[in-house]
C-alpha atoms as a PDB file:
ATOM      1  CA  MET A   1       6.681  10.270  16.820  1.00  0.00           C
ATOM      2  CA  SER A   2       9.378   7.634  15.716  1.00  0.00           C
ATOM      3  CA  ASP A   3      11.239   8.333  12.247  1.00  0.00           C
ATOM      4  CA  PHE A   4       9.324   5.217  11.261  1.00  0.00           C
ATOM      5  CA  LEU A   5       5.827   5.968   9.703  1.00  0.00           C
ATOM      6  CA  LEU A   6       2.856   3.897   8.839  1.00  0.00           C
ATOM      7  CA  THR A   7       2.890   2.956   5.324  1.00  0.00           C
ATOM      8  CA  THR A   8       0.345  -0.658   4.833  1.00  0.00           C
ATOM      9  CA  LEU A   9      -2.244  -1.023   7.083  1.00  0.00           C
ATOM     10  CA  SER A  10      -3.882  -4.790   6.529  1.00  0.00           C
ATOM     11  CA  PHE A  11      -5.705  -7.518   7.701  1.00  0.00           C
ATOM     12  CA  LEU A  12      -5.241 -10.854   6.298  1.00  0.00           C
ATOM     13  CA  CYS A  13      -4.929 -14.955   7.659  1.00  0.00           C
ATOM     14  CA  ASP A  14      -6.421 -12.933  10.879  1.00  0.00           C
ATOM     15  CA  GLN A  15      -3.632 -11.293  12.300  1.00  0.00           C
ATOM     16  CA  TRP A  16      -2.784  -7.762  11.286  1.00  0.00           C
ATOM     17  CA  VAL A  17      -0.454  -6.991   8.842  1.00  0.00           C
ATOM     18  CA  VAL A  18       2.109  -3.571   9.699  1.00  0.00           C
ATOM     19  CA  VAL A  19       4.272  -2.031   7.408  1.00  0.00           C
ATOM     20  CA  VAL A  20       6.423   0.850   9.036  1.00  0.00           C
ATOM     21  CA  THR A  21       8.882   3.233   6.465  1.00  0.00           C
ATOM     22  CA  LYS A  22      11.462   5.673   7.461  1.00  0.00           C
ATOM     23  CA  GLY A  23      12.479   8.647   5.339  1.00  0.00           C
ATOM     24  CA  THR A  24       8.708   9.484   4.214  1.00  0.00           C
ATOM     25  CA  CYS A  25       7.507  12.997   3.960  1.00  0.00           C
ATOM     26  CA  TYR A  26       5.197  12.250   6.250  1.00  0.00           C
ATOM     27  CA  GLN A  27       5.119  14.719   9.147  1.00  0.00           C
ATOM     28  CA  ASP A  28       2.576  13.192  11.695  1.00  0.00           C
ATOM     29  CA  GLN A  29      -0.174  10.974  11.580  1.00  0.00           C
ATOM     30  CA  LYS A  30      -3.766   9.857  13.158  1.00  0.00           C
ATOM     31  CA  TRP A  31      -5.536   6.339  12.614  1.00  0.00           C
ATOM     32  CA  LEU A  32      -8.651   5.217  13.732  1.00  0.00           C
ATOM     33  CA  ILE A  33      -8.829   1.296  14.353  1.00  0.00           C
ATOM     34  CA  ASP A  34     -12.139  -0.626  13.721  1.00  0.00           C
ATOM     35  CA  ILE A  35     -14.565   1.603  13.606  1.00  0.00           C
ATOM     36  CA  SER A  36     -18.231  -0.142  13.093  1.00  0.00           C
ATOM     37  CA  ASP A  37     -20.002   3.190  12.623  1.00  0.00           C
ATOM     38  CA  PHE A  38     -18.952   4.836   9.021  1.00  0.00           C
ATOM     39  CA  ARG A  39     -20.286   8.392  10.678  1.00  0.00           C
ATOM     40  CA  GLN A  40     -17.657   8.038  12.658  1.00  0.00           C
ATOM     41  CA  PHE A  41     -14.948   7.699  10.564  1.00  0.00           C
ATOM     42  CA  GLU A  42     -15.853  10.137   7.857  1.00  0.00           C
ATOM     43  CA  GLU A  43     -15.843  12.842  11.418  1.00  0.00           C
ATOM     44  CA  PHE A  44     -12.848  11.539  12.281  1.00  0.00           C
ATOM     45  CA  VAL A  45     -11.069  12.295   8.396  1.00  0.00           C
ATOM     46  CA  ILE A  46     -13.369  15.554   8.041  1.00  0.00           C
ATOM     47  CA  THR A  47     -12.164  17.011  11.177  1.00  0.00           C
ATOM     48  CA  ASN A  48      -8.752  16.504  10.938  1.00  0.00           C
ATOM     49  CA  ARG A  49      -8.366  17.394   7.090  1.00  0.00           C
ATOM     50  CA  ASN A  50      -8.733  20.875   8.148  1.00  0.00           C
ATOM     51  CA  GLU A  51      -5.730  20.672   9.966  1.00  0.00           C
ATOM     52  CA  GLY A  52      -3.569  19.299   6.884  1.00  0.00           C
ATOM     53  CA  TYR A  53      -4.361  15.130   7.290  1.00  0.00           C
ATOM     54  CA  ARG A  54      -5.175  13.042   4.244  1.00  0.00           C
ATOM     55  CA  ILE A  55      -5.988   9.729   4.177  1.00  0.00           C
ATOM     56  CA  THR A  56      -2.582   7.515   3.174  1.00  0.00           C
ATOM     57  CA  ASP A  57      -3.801   4.089   3.993  1.00  0.00           C
ATOM     58  CA  VAL A  58      -7.423   2.432   4.351  1.00  0.00           C
ATOM     59  CA  CYS A  59      -8.427  -1.416   5.291  1.00  0.00           C
ATOM     60  CA  THR A  60     -10.742  -3.769   6.574  1.00  0.00           C
ATOM     61  CA  ARG A  61     -11.555  -6.499   9.583  1.00  0.00           C
ATOM     62  CA  GLY A  62     -14.687  -8.271   8.635  1.00  0.00           C
ATOM     63  CA  ASN A  63     -17.212  -5.214   8.581  1.00  0.00           C
ATOM     64  CA  PHE A  64     -14.760  -3.393  10.711  1.00  0.00           C
ATOM     65  CA  TYR A  65     -12.937  -0.060   8.926  1.00  0.00           C
ATOM     66  CA  SER A  66      -9.723   1.313  10.234  1.00  0.00           C
ATOM     67  CA  VAL A  67      -7.834   4.324   8.381  1.00  0.00           C
ATOM     68  CA  VAL A  68      -4.676   6.122   8.968  1.00  0.00           C
ATOM     69  CA  LEU A  69      -4.275   9.901   8.139  1.00  0.00           C
ATOM     70  CA  SER A  70      -1.134  11.758   7.409  1.00  0.00           C
ATOM     71  CA  SER A  71       0.012  15.278   7.285  1.00  0.00           C
ATOM     72  CA  GLY A  72       2.806  16.951   5.266  1.00  0.00           C
ATOM     73  CA  ILE A  73       1.799  15.300   2.029  1.00  0.00           C
ATOM     74  CA  ASN A  74       1.004  17.253  -1.374  1.00  0.00           C
ATOM     75  CA  LEU A  75      -2.736  16.577  -1.420  1.00  0.00           C
ATOM     76  CA  SER A  76      -5.111  19.322  -2.583  1.00  0.00           C
ATOM     77  CA  ASP A  77      -7.733  17.710  -2.221  1.00  0.00           C
ATOM     78  CA  GLN A  78      -9.679  13.987  -1.550  1.00  0.00           C
ATOM     79  CA  VAL A  79     -12.810  12.742  -2.006  1.00  0.00           C
ATOM     80  CA  TRP A  80     -14.555   9.189  -1.289  1.00  0.00           C
ATOM     81  CA  GLU A  81     -17.215   6.692  -2.098  1.00  0.00           C
ATOM     82  CA  ARG A  82     -19.181   3.754  -0.741  1.00  0.00           C
ATOM     83  CA  SER A  83     -20.709   1.217  -3.266  1.00  0.00           C
ATOM     84  CA  THR A  84     -21.957  -2.490  -2.856  1.00  0.00           C
ATOM     85  CA  THR A  85     -20.234  -2.854  -6.773  1.00  0.00           C
ATOM     86  CA  PHE A  86     -17.139  -1.440  -7.735  1.00  0.00           C
ATOM     87  CA  PRO A  87     -18.288   2.669  -8.687  1.00  0.00           C
ATOM     88  CA  ASP A  88     -16.671   2.923 -11.879  1.00  0.00           C
ATOM     89  CA  ASP A  89     -18.496   5.495 -13.264  1.00  0.00           C
ATOM     90  CA  TRP A  90     -16.978   7.349 -10.038  1.00  0.00           C
ATOM     91  CA  VAL A  91     -14.320   6.927 -10.251  1.00  0.00           C
ATOM     92  CA  ASN A  92     -13.815   7.683 -14.142  1.00  0.00           C
ATOM     93  CA  GLU A  93     -15.485  11.084 -13.202  1.00  0.00           C
ATOM     94  CA  GLN A  94     -13.392  11.567 -10.895  1.00  0.00           C
ATOM     95  CA  ILE A  95      -9.912  10.690 -12.887  1.00  0.00           C
ATOM     96  CA  ASP A  96     -11.554  13.279 -15.425  1.00  0.00           C
ATOM     97  CA  ASN A  97     -11.309  16.041 -12.978  1.00  0.00           C
ATOM     98  CA  GLY A  98      -8.012  15.424 -12.322  1.00  0.00           C
ATOM     99  CA  TYR A  99      -7.930  12.772  -9.842  1.00  0.00           C
ATOM    100  CA  PHE A 100      -6.016  10.093  -9.085  1.00  0.00           C
ATOM    101  CA  ILE A 101      -7.003   6.429  -7.182  1.00  0.00           C
ATOM    102  CA  SER A 102      -5.053   6.544  -3.999  1.00  0.00           C
ATOM    103  CA  ALA A 103      -6.481   3.895  -1.951  1.00  0.00           C
ATOM    104  CA  ILE A 104      -9.524   1.251  -1.723  1.00  0.00           C
ATOM    105  CA  ALA A 105     -10.225  -1.047   0.312  1.00  0.00           C
ATOM    106  CA  GLY A 106     -13.297  -3.914   0.401  1.00  0.00           C
ATOM    107  CA  THR A 107     -15.208  -5.741   2.765  1.00  0.00           C
ATOM    108  CA  GLU A 108     -17.347  -9.094   1.291  1.00  0.00           C
ATOM    109  CA  GLU A 109     -20.281  -6.654   1.076  1.00  0.00           C
ATOM    110  CA  GLU A 110     -19.480  -3.124  -0.441  1.00  0.00           C
ATOM    111  CA  TRP A 111     -16.146  -0.618  -1.449  1.00  0.00           C
ATOM    112  CA  PHE A 112     -14.868   1.833   0.010  1.00  0.00           C
ATOM    113  CA  VAL A 113     -12.731   3.837  -2.633  1.00  0.00           C
ATOM    114  CA  VAL A 114     -10.923   7.008  -2.169  1.00  0.00           C
ATOM    115  CA  CYS A 115      -9.267   9.168  -4.836  1.00  0.00           C
ATOM    116  CA  SER A 116      -6.743  12.447  -4.363  1.00  0.00           C
ATOM    117  CA  LYS A 117      -5.641  15.463  -6.227  1.00  0.00           C
ATOM    118  CA  MET A 118      -2.449  16.241  -6.330  1.00  0.00           C
ATOM    119  CA  ASP A 119      -1.503  20.503  -7.724  1.00  0.00           C
ATOM    120  CA  HIS A 120       1.098  20.264 -10.219  1.00  0.00           C
ATOM    121  CA  VAL A 121       1.482  16.898 -10.848  1.00  0.00           C
ATOM    122  CA  GLU A 122      -0.685  14.200 -12.878  1.00  0.00           C
ATOM    123  CA  PHE A 123      -0.754  10.838 -12.541  1.00  0.00           C
ATOM    124  CA  GLU A 124      -2.069   8.437 -16.161  1.00  0.00           C
ATOM    125  CA  GLN A 125      -3.279   5.707 -14.047  1.00  0.00           C
ATOM    126  CA  THR A 126      -4.924   2.554 -15.789  1.00  0.00           C
ATOM    127  CA  TRP A 127      -7.286  -0.239 -12.822  1.00  0.00           C
ATOM    128  CA  ILE A 128      -8.984  -3.388 -13.517  1.00  0.00           C
ATOM    129  CA  LEU A 129     -11.574  -5.079 -12.133  1.00  0.00           C
ATOM    130  CA  LYS A 130     -11.303  -8.950 -12.203  1.00  0.00           C
ATOM    131  CA  LYS A 131     -12.381 -12.349 -10.483  1.00  0.00           C
ATOM    132  CA  ASN A 132      -8.883 -13.469  -9.848  1.00  0.00           C
ATOM    133  CA  PHE A 133      -5.941 -11.427  -9.824  1.00  0.00           C
ATOM    134  CA  PRO A 134      -5.511 -10.280 -13.095  1.00  0.00           C
ATOM    135  CA  GLU A 135      -1.348 -11.527 -13.484  1.00  0.00           C
ATOM    136  CA  GLY A 136      -1.603 -11.507 -17.595  1.00  0.00           C
ATOM    137  CA  TRP A 137      -3.158  -7.984 -17.329  1.00  0.00           C
ATOM    138  CA  ILE A 138       0.142  -6.582 -15.466  1.00  0.00           C
ATOM    139  CA  TYR A 139       2.353  -8.195 -17.647  1.00  0.00           C
ATOM    140  CA  LYS A 140       0.775  -6.230 -20.387  1.00  0.00           C
ATOM    141  CA  GLN A 141       0.733  -3.014 -18.971  1.00  0.00           C
ATOM    142  CA  SER A 142       4.012  -3.021 -17.396  1.00  0.00           C
ATOM    143  CA  ALA A 143       5.976  -3.131 -20.781  1.00  0.00           C
ATOM    144  CA  ASP A 144       4.285   0.683 -21.013  1.00  0.00           C
ATOM    145  CA  GLY A 145       6.020   1.236 -17.640  1.00  0.00           C
ATOM    146  CA  PHE A 146       2.589   0.855 -15.451  1.00  0.00           C
ATOM    147  CA  LYS A 147       3.616  -0.776 -11.898  1.00  0.00           C
ATOM    148  CA  ILE A 148       0.625  -1.599  -9.267  1.00  0.00           C
ATOM    149  CA  ASN A 149       0.560   1.340  -6.948  1.00  0.00           C
ATOM    150  CA  VAL A 150      -2.926   0.080  -5.299  1.00  0.00           C
ATOM    151  CA  LEU A 151      -4.384  -3.358  -4.378  1.00  0.00           C
ATOM    152  CA  ALA A 152      -7.931  -4.446  -3.009  1.00  0.00           C
ATOM    153  CA  THR A 153     -10.051  -6.974  -2.489  1.00  0.00           C
ATOM    154  CA  GLY A 154     -13.898  -6.800  -2.529  1.00  0.00           C
ATOM    155  CA  PRO A 155     -17.243  -8.092  -3.643  1.00  0.00           C
ATOM    156  CA  GLN A 156     -16.417  -8.296  -6.982  1.00  0.00           C
ATOM    157  CA  GLY A 157     -12.918  -9.858  -6.589  1.00  0.00           C
ATOM    158  CA  TRP A 158      -9.641  -8.079  -6.969  1.00  0.00           C
ATOM    159  CA  VAL A 159      -9.322  -4.164  -7.956  1.00  0.00           C
ATOM    160  CA  VAL A 160      -5.627  -3.196  -9.029  1.00  0.00           C
ATOM    161  CA  VAL A 161      -4.439   0.487  -9.731  1.00  0.00           C
ATOM    162  CA  LEU A 162      -1.354   0.524 -11.898  1.00  0.00           C
ATOM    163  CA  ASN A 163       0.676   3.699 -12.053  1.00  0.00           C
ATOM    164  CA  LYS A 164       2.540   4.871 -15.106  1.00  0.00           C
ATOM    165  CA  THR A 165       6.720   5.572 -13.462  1.00  0.00           C
ATOM    166  CA  GLN A 166       9.099   7.675 -15.441  1.00  0.00           C
ATOM    167  CA  GLU A 167      11.574   5.522 -17.590  1.00  0.00           C
ATOM    168  CA  LYS A 168      15.259   5.093 -16.413  1.00  0.00           C
ATOM    169  CA  PRO A 169      18.010   6.768 -18.185  1.00  0.00           C
ATOM    170  CA  ASN A 170      19.191   3.226 -19.497  1.00  0.00           C
ATOM    171  CA  GLY A 171      15.633   2.774 -20.971  1.00  0.00           C
ATOM    172  CA  GLU A 172      14.309   0.705 -18.352  1.00  0.00           C
ATOM    173  CA  PHE A 173      11.362   1.346 -15.839  1.00  0.00           C
ATOM    174  CA  GLN A 174      10.803   0.754 -12.377  1.00  0.00           C
ATOM    175  CA  SER A 175      11.290  -2.414 -10.845  1.00  0.00           C
ATOM    176  CA  GLN A 176       7.982  -4.283  -9.219  1.00  0.00           C
ATOM    177  CA  ASP A 177       7.400  -8.247  -8.214  1.00  0.00           C
ATOM    178  CA  TRP A 178       5.484  -9.740  -6.211  1.00  0.00           C
ATOM    179  CA  SER A 179       4.399 -13.033  -4.071  1.00  0.00           C
ATOM    180  CA  SER A 180       1.594 -14.984  -2.251  1.00  0.00           C
ATOM    181  CA  SER A 181       1.292 -17.315   0.596  1.00  0.00           C
ATOM    182  CA  ALA A 182      -0.677 -18.722   3.284  1.00  0.00           C
ATOM    183  CA  ASN A 183       2.678 -17.626   5.168  1.00  0.00           C
ATOM    184  CA  PRO A 184       2.602 -13.997   6.490  1.00  0.00           C
ATOM    185  CA  THR A 185       5.460 -13.777   8.397  1.00  0.00           C
ATOM    186  CA  ALA A 186       7.811 -15.251   5.619  1.00  0.00           C
ATOM    187  CA  LEU A 187       6.130 -13.602   3.196  1.00  0.00           C
ATOM    188  CA  CYS A 188       6.973 -10.586   5.017  1.00  0.00           C
ATOM    189  CA  LYS A 189      10.518 -11.471   5.606  1.00  0.00           C
ATOM    190  CA  TRP A 190      10.404 -11.583   1.799  1.00  0.00           C
ATOM    191  CA  GLY A 191       8.956  -8.267   1.110  1.00  0.00           C
ATOM    192  CA  ILE A 192      11.778  -6.274   3.338  1.00  0.00           C
ATOM    193  CA  SER A 193      14.805  -8.642   1.880  1.00  0.00           C
ATOM    194  CA  GLU A 194      16.015  -6.540  -1.270  1.00  0.00           C
ATOM    195  CA  PRO A 195      17.973  -3.051  -0.859  1.00  0.00           C
ATOM    196  CA  GLY A 196      15.597  -0.108  -2.798  1.00  0.00           C
ATOM    197  CA  MET A 197      12.735  -2.792  -3.192  1.00  0.00           C
ATOM    198  CA  LYS A 198       9.689  -1.467  -0.624  1.00  0.00           C
ATOM    199  CA  VAL A 199       6.643  -3.052   0.052  1.00  0.00           C
ATOM    200  CA  GLN A 200       4.027  -1.070  -1.747  1.00  0.00           C
ATOM    201  CA  ALA A 201       0.619  -3.015  -1.302  1.00  0.00           C
ATOM    202  CA  ILE A 202      -0.655  -5.667   0.478  1.00  0.00           C
ATOM    203  CA  SER A 203      -3.649  -7.589  -0.252  1.00  0.00           C
ATOM    204  CA  GLY A 204      -5.476 -10.924  -0.492  1.00  0.00           C
ATOM    205  CA  GLU A 205      -7.877 -13.535   0.471  1.00  0.00           C
ATOM    206  CA  ASP A 206      -8.853 -14.523   3.396  1.00  0.00           C
ATOM    207  CA  ASP A 207      -5.887 -17.369   3.275  1.00  0.00           C
ATOM    208  CA  GLU A 208      -3.793 -16.295   1.692  1.00  0.00           C
ATOM    209  CA  MET A 209      -1.869 -12.600   1.066  1.00  0.00           C
ATOM    210  CA  THR A 210      -0.249 -11.125  -1.526  1.00  0.00           C
ATOM    211  CA  ILE A 211       2.520  -8.262  -1.055  1.00  0.00           C
ATOM    212  CA  ILE A 212       3.585  -5.940  -3.834  1.00  0.00           C
ATOM    213  CA  ARG A 213       7.682  -4.750  -4.052  1.00  0.00           C
ATOM    214  CA  THR A 214       8.619  -1.692  -5.510  1.00  0.00           C
ATOM    215  CA  GLU A 215      11.515  -0.325  -6.058  1.00  0.00           C
ATOM    216  CA  MET A 216      11.804   3.035  -4.407  1.00  0.00           C
ATOM    217  CA  PRO A 217      15.687   3.652  -3.144  1.00  0.00           C
ATOM    218  CA  SER A 218      15.020   7.093  -2.114  1.00  0.00           C
ATOM    219  CA  HIS A 219      12.921   5.766   0.817  1.00  0.00           C
ATOM    220  CA  GLY A 220      14.672   4.307   3.685  1.00  0.00           C
ATOM    221  CA  GLU A 221      14.348   0.853   6.108  1.00  0.00           C
ATOM    222  CA  GLN A 222      11.066  -0.813   6.198  1.00  0.00           C
ATOM    223  CA  LYS A 223       9.594  -3.179   9.545  1.00  0.00           C
ATOM    224  CA  THR A 224       6.475  -5.544   9.524  1.00  0.00           C
ATOM    225  CA  MET A 225       4.919  -6.325  12.617  1.00  0.00           C
ATOM    226  CA  ILE A 226       2.088  -9.484  12.649  1.00  0.00           C
ATOM    227  CA  SER A 227      -0.219  -9.209  15.482  1.00  0.00           C
ATOM    228  CA  GLN A 228      -3.121 -10.768  16.678  1.00  0.00           C
ATOM    229  CA  THR A 229      -4.171  -7.408  17.839  1.00  0.00           C
ATOM    230  CA  PHE A 230      -3.442  -3.433  15.754  1.00  0.00           C
ATOM    231  CA  PRO A 231       0.218  -2.927  17.013  1.00  0.00           C
ATOM    232  CA  GLU A 232      -0.267   0.490  18.445  1.00  0.00           C
ATOM    233  CA  SER A 233       2.777   0.504  20.383  1.00  0.00           C
ATOM    234  CA  TRP A 234       5.347  -1.068  18.081  1.00  0.00           C
ATOM    235  CA  VAL A 235       3.691   2.083  15.442  1.00  0.00           C
ATOM    236  CA  ARG A 236       4.067   4.375  17.847  1.00  0.00           C
ATOM    237  CA  GLY A 237       7.871   3.254  18.120  1.00  0.00           C
ATOM    238  CA  GLU A 238       7.158   3.031  21.886  1.00  0.00           C
ATOM    239  CA  GLU A 239       8.203  -0.427  22.374  1.00  0.00           C
ATOM    240  CA  GLU A 240      11.818  -1.812  21.462  1.00  0.00           C
ATOM    241  CA  ASP A 241      12.405  -4.310  18.091  1.00  0.00           C
ATOM    242  CA  THR A 242      12.515  -7.491  19.975  1.00  0.00           C
ATOM    243  CA  GLU A 243      12.344  -9.484  16.889  1.00  0.00           C
ATOM    244  CA  SER A 244      14.662  -9.078  13.965  1.00  0.00           C
ATOM    245  CA  TYR A 245      13.613 -11.011  10.605  1.00  0.00           C
ATOM    246  CA  LYS A 246      16.972 -12.990  10.290  1.00  0.00           C
ATOM    247  CA  VAL A 247      17.310 -16.123   7.746  1.00  0.00           C
ATOM    248  CA  GLU A 248      15.521 -18.992   9.281  1.00  0.00           C
ATOM    249  CA  ASP A 249      16.493 -21.588   6.778  1.00  0.00           C
ATOM    250  CA  GLU A 250      17.482 -22.013   2.904  1.00  0.00           C
ATOM    251  CA  ARG A 251      13.933 -21.512   1.443  1.00  0.00           C
ATOM    252  CA  LEU A 252      13.029 -20.154  -1.565  1.00  0.00           C
ATOM    253  CA  PHE A 253      10.264 -18.468  -2.428  1.00  0.00           C
ATOM    254  CA  THR A 254       8.692 -17.788  -6.485  1.00  0.00           C
ATOM    255  CA  VAL A 255       8.403 -14.906  -7.507  1.00  0.00           C
ATOM    256  CA  ARG A 256       6.588 -13.556  -9.957  1.00  0.00           C
ATOM    257  CA  SER A 257       7.886  -9.759 -11.054  1.00  0.00           C
ATOM    258  CA  SER A 258       5.920  -6.991 -13.823  1.00  0.00           C
ATOM    259  CA  ARG A 259       8.121  -7.963 -16.493  1.00  0.00           C
ATOM    260  CA  GLY A 260       6.582 -12.073 -16.473  1.00  0.00           C
ATOM    261  CA  GLU A 261       9.841 -13.361 -14.818  1.00  0.00           C
ATOM    262  CA  SER A 262       9.577 -15.661 -12.343  1.00  0.00           C
ATOM    263  CA  MET A 263      12.746 -15.972 -10.076  1.00  0.00           C
ATOM    264  CA  ASP A 264      13.909 -17.977  -6.546  1.00  0.00           C
ATOM    265  CA  ALA A 265      14.523 -15.095  -3.663  1.00  0.00           C
ATOM    266  CA  PRO A 266      15.807 -16.145  -0.570  1.00  0.00           C
ATOM    267  CA  LEU A 267      14.570 -14.217   3.011  1.00  0.00           C
ATOM    268  CA  LEU A 268      17.864 -12.147   3.468  1.00  0.00           C
ATOM    269  CA  LEU A 269      17.234  -8.799   5.597  1.00  0.00           C
ATOM    270  CA  SER A 270      17.568  -5.560   3.516  1.00  0.00           C
ATOM    271  CA  SER A 271      20.003  -2.384   4.374  1.00  0.00           C
ATOM    272  CA  PRO A 272      18.361   0.730   5.245  1.00  0.00           C
ATOM    273  CA  THR A 273      18.473   3.340   3.311  1.00  0.00           C
ATOM    274  CA  GLU A 274      18.848   6.945   4.900  1.00  0.00           C
ATOM    275  CA  LYS A 275      17.816   9.262   2.281  1.00  0.00           C
ATOM    276  CA  ARG A 276      15.113  11.374   2.995  1.00  0.00           C
ATOM    277  CA  ASN A 277      12.857  12.773   0.277  1.00  0.00           C
ATOM    278  CA  SER A 278      11.801  16.507  -0.055  1.00  0.00           C
ATOM    279  CA  ARG A 279       8.508  17.637   1.656  1.00  0.00           C
ATOM    280  CA  GLY A 280       5.436  16.515  -0.224  1.00  0.00           C
ATOM    281  CA  CYS A 281       7.070  14.641  -2.857  1.00  0.00           C
ATOM    282  CA  PRO A 282       4.781  12.873  -5.174  1.00  0.00           C
ATOM    283  CA  CYS A 283       6.910   9.382  -4.150  1.00  0.00           C
ATOM    284  CA  CYS A 284       5.166   9.555  -0.623  1.00  0.00           C
ATOM    285  CA  THR A 285       1.761  10.234  -2.339  1.00  0.00           C
ATOM    286  CA  ILE A 286       2.092   6.564  -4.179  1.00  0.00           C
ATOM    287  CA  LEU A 287       3.833   4.510  -1.414  1.00  0.00           C
END
C-alpha cells in the first residue's frame, strides 16, 4: 500500500478527478467503482464495516455509485440514506443523536447522505441546500469559524456542509479558499499550489468543477490525477508518477476565500510536509 491514500474521489467534466494524500491516519483502503445495483454497494459497505472500514468518500458517475472505505479512522458508527429529495428531516434527526454529516453524493435523480459518529469528539455543523453555490452564506458563517467540509450537487442544486474550526492562538480561524473552472487540469494544479493548504472537497456542474482548499499543515503532500478511466494502479502506487505539475504559463486564477476576499493565485507546486497525524485523529475524519 502506498504512503499516499485516497482522500477525494469525483467524476466531473467527463473525467475522474482523484486526490491522494500523504500523512493521514488511514491504515488501509478498499473501493468499489461504478456500481449500478445499490444492494451490492450496501453489501460491500456492511461486510467491510465488521472489519473496521468506514465510508470516507462517495461519488457518482451518472447513475453509478463509487465508494471509498478506509480503516484506522475513529468512527464508532455510520448510517446512510437515499432520497429523491434531500433528507433534511433524517439528517437533523441524526445530528440530534450525536452524528455529523461526513459524505454526500448526488445524481440527477437522488441524494445519498452518510452520517457518522465519533466517540468523545463532537462537531458543530451547519448546512444549506441552495440552487446555486451559496457564497454569501458561506462568508457569513466563516466569520464565526465555520469552514466547508462536505460539498455536493444533486437534484435540487448544491448542498454545502460547514464544520466549526478551532480558533488559533492569534485569534484567527483555519484558512480556506475555493475556485471554479471548466479546466480540471489547471484547477488541480492550483489545488496543490500552496504549502499547508489541502484539497478538502471537489464538486460542480457537468461542465465546471469547484475545488475547496483548507489549511491543514499536519497532513503531507498531495497528488492529483485526471483520467478517462478510474486510475486504480496509480492510486495503489503501482505506477510511477510520470506527470509532475509544473508552471506552464503566467496564468492566474481568481480565488475566493472564506473571508470574502478575492486574490490572484499562481500555479505553483506545493512543498510536501512529512509530519504524520496520530491514529484516528479528527482532522482525517473531516479531510
